[in-house]
């Protein structure tokens, strides 16, 4: 099955951009910090998603746009 097409207009941030991850409730707050966008992902409902990589330890995670912002 083909992966859905991702339109840049749906996403606020670009691949390679530095962002600050601020996890919501129920997520380990030690994961908070500086990340880099590595992939734009399809919408989850109305929320754009991103794959991000931690600048310190290289850990990657998938997050919704409302969990990240400019550093």
PDB file of N, CA and C in Angstrom:
ATOM      1  N   UNK A   1       0.842  -1.178   0.000  1.00  0.00           N
ATOM      2  CA  UNK A   1       0.000   0.000   0.000  1.00  0.00           C
ATOM      3  C   UNK A   1       0.886   1.240   0.000  1.00  0.00           C
ATOM      4  N   UNK A   2       0.557   2.191  -0.820  1.00  0.00           N
ATOM      5  CA  UNK A   2       1.369   3.408  -0.955  1.00  0.00           C
ATOM      6  C   UNK A   2       1.212   4.298   0.276  1.00  0.00           C
ATOM      7  N   UNK A   3       2.306   4.941   0.661  1.00  0.00           N
ATOM      8  CA  UNK A   3       2.277   5.879   1.776  1.00  0.00           C
ATOM      9  C   UNK A   3       1.562   7.148   1.333  1.00  0.00           C
ATOM     10  N   UNK A   4       0.745   7.757   2.230  1.00  0.00           N
ATOM     11  CA  UNK A   4       0.031   8.973   1.838  1.00  0.00           C
ATOM     12  C   UNK A   4       0.996  10.097   1.471  1.00  0.00           C
ATOM     13  N   UNK A   5       0.597  10.903   0.510  1.00  0.00           N
ATOM     14  CA  UNK A   5       1.419  12.048   0.114  1.00  0.00           C
ATOM     15  C   UNK A   5       1.351  13.102   1.207  1.00  0.00           C
ATOM     16  N   UNK A   6       2.478  13.719   1.478  1.00  0.00           N
ATOM     17  CA  UNK A   6       2.548  14.739   2.515  1.00  0.00           C
ATOM     18  C   UNK A   6       2.706  16.091   1.841  1.00  0.00           C
ATOM     19  N   UNK A   7       1.805  17.004   2.163  1.00  0.00           N
ATOM     20  CA  UNK A   7       1.859  18.343   1.592  1.00  0.00           C
ATOM     21  C   UNK A   7       2.526  19.274   2.594  1.00  0.00           C
ATOM     22  N   UNK A   8       3.537  19.990   2.169  1.00  0.00           N
ATOM     23  CA  UNK A   8       4.280  20.903   3.032  1.00  0.00           C
ATOM     24  C   UNK A   8       3.363  21.952   3.660  1.00  0.00           C
ATOM     25  N   UNK A   9       2.304  22.344   2.973  1.00  0.00           N
ATOM     26  CA  UNK A   9       1.413  23.372   3.497  1.00  0.00           C
ATOM     27  C   UNK A   9       0.772  22.966   4.820  1.00  0.00           C
ATOM     28  N   UNK A  10       0.728  21.670   5.100  1.00  0.00           N
ATOM     29  CA  UNK A  10       0.124  21.180   6.332  1.00  0.00           C
ATOM     30  C   UNK A  10       1.085  21.307   7.518  1.00  0.00           C
ATOM     31  N   UNK A  11       2.379  21.474   7.261  1.00  0.00           N
ATOM     32  CA  UNK A  11       3.397  21.474   8.305  1.00  0.00           C
ATOM     33  C   UNK A  11       3.990  22.866   8.520  1.00  0.00           C
ATOM     34  N   UNK A  12       4.186  23.203   9.790  1.00  0.00           N
ATOM     35  CA  UNK A  12       4.742  24.497  10.173  1.00  0.00           C
ATOM     36  C   UNK A  12       6.276  24.494  10.102  1.00  0.00           C
ATOM     37  N   UNK A  13       6.905  23.335  10.333  1.00  0.00           N
ATOM     38  CA  UNK A  13       8.360  23.217  10.386  1.00  0.00           C
ATOM     39  C   UNK A  13       8.889  22.430   9.193  1.00  0.00           C
ATOM     40  N   UNK A  14      10.179  22.617   8.880  1.00  0.00           N
ATOM     41  CA  UNK A  14      10.825  21.952   7.751  1.00  0.00           C
ATOM     42  C   UNK A  14      11.844  20.930   8.217  1.00  0.00           C
ATOM     43  N   UNK A  15      12.141  19.966   7.356  1.00  0.00           N
ATOM     44  CA  UNK A  15      13.205  18.996   7.623  1.00  0.00           C
ATOM     45  C   UNK A  15      14.519  19.755   7.821  1.00  0.00           C
ATOM     46  N   UNK A  16      15.267  19.367   8.848  1.00  0.00           N
ATOM     47  CA  UNK A  16      16.535  20.006   9.161  1.00  0.00           C
ATOM     48  C   UNK A  16      16.424  21.155  10.145  1.00  0.00           C
ATOM     49  N   UNK A  17      15.216  21.588  10.434  1.00  0.00           N
ATOM     50  CA  UNK A  17      15.010  22.717  11.338  1.00  0.00           C
ATOM     51  C   UNK A  17      15.176  22.282  12.793  1.00  0.00           C
ATOM     52  N   UNK A  18      15.782  23.158  13.602  1.00  0.00           N
ATOM     53  CA  UNK A  18      15.943  22.922  15.039  1.00  0.00           C
ATOM     54  C   UNK A  18      14.652  23.304  15.753  1.00  0.00           C
ATOM     55  N   UNK A  19      14.206  22.436  16.669  1.00  0.00           N
ATOM     56  CA  UNK A  19      12.999  22.688  17.449  1.00  0.00           C
ATOM     57  C   UNK A  19      13.228  22.310  18.905  1.00  0.00           C
ATOM     58  N   UNK A  20      12.352  22.805  19.752  1.00  0.00           N
ATOM     59  CA  UNK A  20      12.336  22.468  21.172  1.00  0.00           C
ATOM     60  C   UNK A  20      11.161  21.526  21.404  1.00  0.00           C
ATOM     61  N   UNK A  21      11.422  20.344  21.960  1.00  0.00           N
ATOM     62  CA  UNK A  21      10.363  19.382  22.274  1.00  0.00           C
ATOM     63  C   UNK A  21       9.920  19.579  23.710  1.00  0.00           C
ATOM     64  N   UNK A  22       8.624  19.770  23.900  1.00  0.00           N
ATOM     65  CA  UNK A  22       8.032  19.910  25.224  1.00  0.00           C
ATOM     66  C   UNK A  22       6.941  18.852  25.348  1.00  0.00           C
ATOM     67  N   UNK A  23       7.265  17.708  25.949  1.00  0.00           N
ATOM     68  CA  UNK A  23       6.309  16.601  26.002  1.00  0.00           C
ATOM     69  C   UNK A  23       5.080  16.921  26.834  1.00  0.00           C
ATOM     70  N   UNK A  24       3.976  16.297  26.462  1.00  0.00           N
ATOM     71  CA  UNK A  24       2.730  16.451  27.206  1.00  0.00           C
ATOM     72  C   UNK A  24       2.702  15.520  28.403  1.00  0.00           C
ATOM     73  N   UNK A  25       1.577  15.481  29.057  1.00  0.00           N
ATOM     74  CA  UNK A  25       1.404  14.612  30.222  1.00  0.00           C
ATOM     75  C   UNK A  25       1.570  13.155  29.823  1.00  0.00           C
ATOM     76  N   UNK A  26       2.147  12.384  30.717  1.00  0.00           N
ATOM     77  CA  UNK A  26       2.317  10.963  30.471  1.00  0.00           C
ATOM     78  C   UNK A  26       3.583  10.612  29.711  1.00  0.00           C
ATOM     79  N   UNK A  27       4.363  11.615  29.310  1.00  0.00           N
ATOM     80  CA  UNK A  27       5.623  11.380  28.606  1.00  0.00           C
ATOM     81  C   UNK A  27       6.755  11.779  29.535  1.00  0.00           C
ATOM     82  N   UNK A  28       7.814  10.987  29.549  1.00  0.00           N
ATOM     83  CA  UNK A  28       8.976  11.258  30.402  1.00  0.00           C
ATOM     84  C   UNK A  28       9.528  12.647  30.098  1.00  0.00           C
ATOM     85  N   UNK A  29       9.500  13.530  31.086  1.00  0.00           N
ATOM     86  CA  UNK A  29       9.929  14.908  30.863  1.00  0.00           C
ATOM     87  C   UNK A  29      11.443  15.050  30.717  1.00  0.00           C
ATOM     88  N   UNK A  30      12.201  13.979  30.948  1.00  0.00           N
ATOM     89  CA  UNK A  30      13.638  14.025  30.678  1.00  0.00           C
ATOM     90  C   UNK A  30      13.907  14.071  29.178  1.00  0.00           C
ATOM     91  N   UNK A  31      12.901  13.741  28.369  1.00  0.00           N
ATOM     92  CA  UNK A  31      13.046  13.785  26.916  1.00  0.00           C
ATOM     93  C   UNK A  31      12.929  15.203  26.365  1.00  0.00           C
ATOM     94  N   UNK A  32      12.558  16.151  27.216  1.00  0.00           N
ATOM     95  CA  UNK A  32      12.432  17.548  26.805  1.00  0.00           C
ATOM     96  C   UNK A  32      13.795  18.066  26.347  1.00  0.00           C
ATOM     97  N   UNK A  33      13.819  18.885  25.292  1.00  0.00           N
ATOM     98  CA  UNK A  33      15.080  19.468  24.866  1.00  0.00           C
ATOM     99  C   UNK A  33      15.121  19.814  23.395  1.00  0.00           C
ATOM    100  N   UNK A  34      16.344  19.988  22.906  1.00  0.00           N
ATOM    101  CA  UNK A  34      16.598  20.396  21.523  1.00  0.00           C
ATOM    102  C   UNK A  34      16.594  19.175  20.596  1.00  0.00           C
ATOM    103  N   UNK A  35      15.856  19.296  19.510  1.00  0.00           N
ATOM    104  CA  UNK A  35      15.748  18.233  18.517  1.00  0.00           C
ATOM    105  C   UNK A  35      15.881  18.838  17.121  1.00  0.00           C
ATOM    106  N   UNK A  36      16.059  17.964  16.134  1.00  0.00           N
ATOM    107  CA  UNK A  36      16.091  18.362  14.733  1.00  0.00           C
ATOM    108  C   UNK A  36      14.996  17.590  14.006  1.00  0.00           C
ATOM    109  N   UNK A  37      14.251  18.264  13.132  1.00  0.00           N
ATOM    110  CA  UNK A  37      13.229  17.598  12.317  1.00  0.00           C
ATOM    111  C   UNK A  37      13.948  16.726  11.283  1.00  0.00           C
ATOM    112  N   UNK A  38      13.621  15.434  11.252  1.00  0.00           N
ATOM    113  CA  UNK A  38      14.246  14.547  10.268  1.00  0.00           C
ATOM    114  C   UNK A  38      13.261  14.049   9.206  1.00  0.00           C
ATOM    115  N   UNK A  39      11.948  14.156   9.480  1.00  0.00           N
ATOM    116  CA  UNK A  39      10.965  13.665   8.517  1.00  0.00           C
ATOM    117  C   UNK A  39       9.606  14.287   8.794  1.00  0.00           C
ATOM    118  N   UNK A  40       8.920  14.709   7.731  1.00  0.00           N
ATOM    119  CA  UNK A  40       7.530  15.146   7.848  1.00  0.00           C
ATOM    120  C   UNK A  40       6.661  13.907   7.734  1.00  0.00           C
ATOM    121  N   UNK A  41       5.682  13.771   8.623  1.00  0.00           N
ATOM    122  CA  UNK A  41       4.801  12.604   8.622  1.00  0.00           C
ATOM    123  C   UNK A  41       3.374  13.044   8.312  1.00  0.00           C
ATOM    124  N   UNK A  42       2.523  12.088   7.941  1.00  0.00           N
ATOM    125  CA  UNK A  42       1.129  12.433   7.641  1.00  0.00           C
ATOM    126  C   UNK A  42       0.406  12.989   8.864  1.00  0.00           C
ATOM    127  N   UNK A  43      -0.730  13.609   8.613  1.00  0.00           N
ATOM    128  CA  UNK A  43      -1.554  14.140   9.693  1.00  0.00           C
ATOM    129  C   UNK A  43      -2.075  13.009  10.575  1.00  0.00           C
ATOM    130  N   UNK A  44      -2.211  13.319  11.866  1.00  0.00           N
ATOM    131  CA  UNK A  44      -2.888  12.446  12.819  1.00  0.00           C
ATOM    132  C   UNK A  44      -4.158  13.192  13.200  1.00  0.00           C
ATOM    133  N   UNK A  45      -5.245  12.905  12.518  1.00  0.00           N
ATOM    134  CA  UNK A  45      -6.443  13.729  12.650  1.00  0.00           C
ATOM    135  C   UNK A  45      -6.189  15.041  11.944  1.00  0.00           C
ATOM    136  N   UNK A  46      -6.162  16.139  12.684  1.00  0.00           N
ATOM    137  CA  UNK A  46      -5.867  17.449  12.110  1.00  0.00           C
ATOM    138  C   UNK A  46      -4.464  17.930  12.446  1.00  0.00           C
ATOM    139  N   UNK A  47      -3.688  17.123  13.184  1.00  0.00           N
ATOM    140  CA  UNK A  47      -2.370  17.554  13.658  1.00  0.00           C
ATOM    141  C   UNK A  47      -1.250  16.982  12.794  1.00  0.00           C
ATOM    142  N   UNK A  48      -0.426  17.862  12.200  1.00  0.00           N
ATOM    143  CA  UNK A  48       0.750  17.376  11.489  1.00  0.00           C
ATOM    144  C   UNK A  48       1.703  16.666  12.454  1.00  0.00           C
ATOM    145  N   UNK A  49       2.378  15.636  11.962  1.00  0.00           N
ATOM    146  CA  UNK A  49       3.344  14.902  12.766  1.00  0.00           C
ATOM    147  C   UNK A  49       4.725  15.023  12.167  1.00  0.00           C
ATOM    148  N   UNK A  50       5.731  14.805  13.029  1.00  0.00           N
ATOM    149  CA  UNK A  50       7.135  14.897  12.640  1.00  0.00           C
ATOM    150  C   UNK A  50       7.921  13.773  13.284  1.00  0.00           C
ATOM    151  N   UNK A  51       8.982  13.340  12.613  1.00  0.00           N
ATOM    152  CA  UNK A  51       9.983  12.488  13.241  1.00  0.00           C
ATOM    153  C   UNK A  51      11.116  13.434  13.613  1.00  0.00           C
ATOM    154  N   UNK A  52      11.515  13.423  14.899  1.00  0.00           N
ATOM    155  CA  UNK A  52      12.550  14.325  15.385  1.00  0.00           C
ATOM    156  C   UNK A  52      13.688  13.529  16.014  1.00  0.00           C
ATOM    157  N   UNK A  53      14.899  14.094  15.986  1.00  0.00           N
ATOM    158  CA  UNK A  53      16.097  13.440  16.558  1.00  0.00           C
ATOM    159  C   UNK A  53      16.700  14.366  17.615  1.00  0.00           C
ATOM    160  N   UNK A  54      16.957  13.797  18.794  1.00  0.00           N
ATOM    161  CA  UNK A  54      17.572  14.546  19.884  1.00  0.00           C
ATOM    162  C   UNK A  54      18.986  14.919  19.501  1.00  0.00           C
ATOM    163  N   UNK A  55      19.356  16.189  19.730  1.00  0.00           N
ATOM    164  CA  UNK A  55      20.688  16.670  19.349  1.00  0.00           C
ATOM    165  C   UNK A  55      21.787  16.121  20.247  1.00  0.00           C
ATOM    166  N   UNK A  56      21.446  15.666  21.453  1.00  0.00           N
ATOM    167  CA  UNK A  56      22.454  15.179  22.390  1.00  0.00           C
ATOM    168  C   UNK A  56      22.686  13.680  22.246  1.00  0.00           C
ATOM    169  N   UNK A  57      21.611  12.876  22.350  1.00  0.00           N
ATOM    170  CA  UNK A  57      21.794  11.422  22.362  1.00  0.00           C
ATOM    171  C   UNK A  57      21.363  10.715  21.076  1.00  0.00           C
ATOM    172  N   UNK A  58      20.793  11.457  20.112  1.00  0.00           N
ATOM    173  CA  UNK A  58      20.413  10.873  18.832  1.00  0.00           C
ATOM    174  C   UNK A  58      19.106  10.092  18.853  1.00  0.00           C
ATOM    175  N   UNK A  59      18.437  10.032  20.010  1.00  0.00           N
ATOM    176  CA  UNK A  59      17.169   9.304  20.104  1.00  0.00           C
ATOM    177  C   UNK A  59      16.136   9.959  19.193  1.00  0.00           C
ATOM    178  N   UNK A  60      15.371   9.144  18.465  1.00  0.00           N
ATOM    179  CA  UNK A  60      14.333   9.650  17.576  1.00  0.00           C
ATOM    180  C   UNK A  60      12.961   9.317  18.133  1.00  0.00           C
ATOM    181  N   UNK A  61      12.008  10.188  17.845  1.00  0.00           N
ATOM    182  CA  UNK A  61      10.627   9.970  18.268  1.00  0.00           C
ATOM    183  C   UNK A  61       9.691  10.633  17.275  1.00  0.00           C
ATOM    184  N   UNK A  62       8.442  10.221  17.295  1.00  0.00           N
ATOM    185  CA  UNK A  62       7.408  10.824  16.466  1.00  0.00           C
ATOM    186  C   UNK A  62       6.539  11.676  17.370  1.00  0.00           C
ATOM    187  N   UNK A  63       6.324  12.925  16.967  1.00  0.00           N
ATOM    188  CA  UNK A  63       5.570  13.873  17.791  1.00  0.00           C
ATOM    189  C   UNK A  63       4.570  14.636  16.938  1.00  0.00           C
ATOM    190  N   UNK A  64       3.565  15.183  17.598  1.00  0.00           N
ATOM    191  CA  UNK A  64       2.613  16.071  16.944  1.00  0.00           C
ATOM    192  C   UNK A  64       3.145  17.495  16.986  1.00  0.00           C
ATOM    193  N   UNK A  65       2.692  18.296  16.060  1.00  0.00           N
ATOM    194  CA  UNK A  65       3.181  19.666  15.924  1.00  0.00           C
ATOM    195  C   UNK A  65       2.990  20.495  17.205  1.00  0.00           C
ATOM    196  N   UNK A  66       1.927  20.222  17.966  1.00  0.00           N
ATOM    197  CA  UNK A  66       1.676  21.009  19.173  1.00  0.00           C
ATOM    198  C   UNK A  66       2.658  20.694  20.306  1.00  0.00           C
ATOM    199  N   UNK A  67       3.526  19.686  20.141  1.00  0.00           N
ATOM    200  CA  UNK A  67       4.517  19.332  21.153  1.00  0.00           C
ATOM    201  C   UNK A  67       5.887  19.961  20.888  1.00  0.00           C
ATOM    202  N   UNK A  68       6.015  20.668  19.766  1.00  0.00           N
ATOM    203  CA  UNK A  68       7.305  21.273  19.425  1.00  0.00           C
ATOM    204  C   UNK A  68       7.130  22.753  19.114  1.00  0.00           C
ATOM    205  N   UNK A  69       8.242  23.480  19.251  1.00  0.00           N
ATOM    206  CA  UNK A  69       8.246  24.907  18.948  1.00  0.00           C
ATOM    207  C   UNK A  69       9.661  25.351  18.653  1.00  0.00           C
ATOM    208  N   UNK A  70       9.820  26.611  18.319  1.00  0.00           N
ATOM    209  CA  UNK A  70      11.136  27.149  18.034  1.00  0.00           C
ATOM    210  C   UNK A  70      11.943  27.258  19.336  1.00  0.00           C
ATOM    211  N   UNK A  71      13.247  26.970  19.264  1.00  0.00           N
ATOM    212  CA  UNK A  71      14.083  27.031  20.473  1.00  0.00           C
ATOM    213  C   UNK A  71      14.255  28.449  20.979  1.00  0.00           C
TER     214      UNK A  71
END
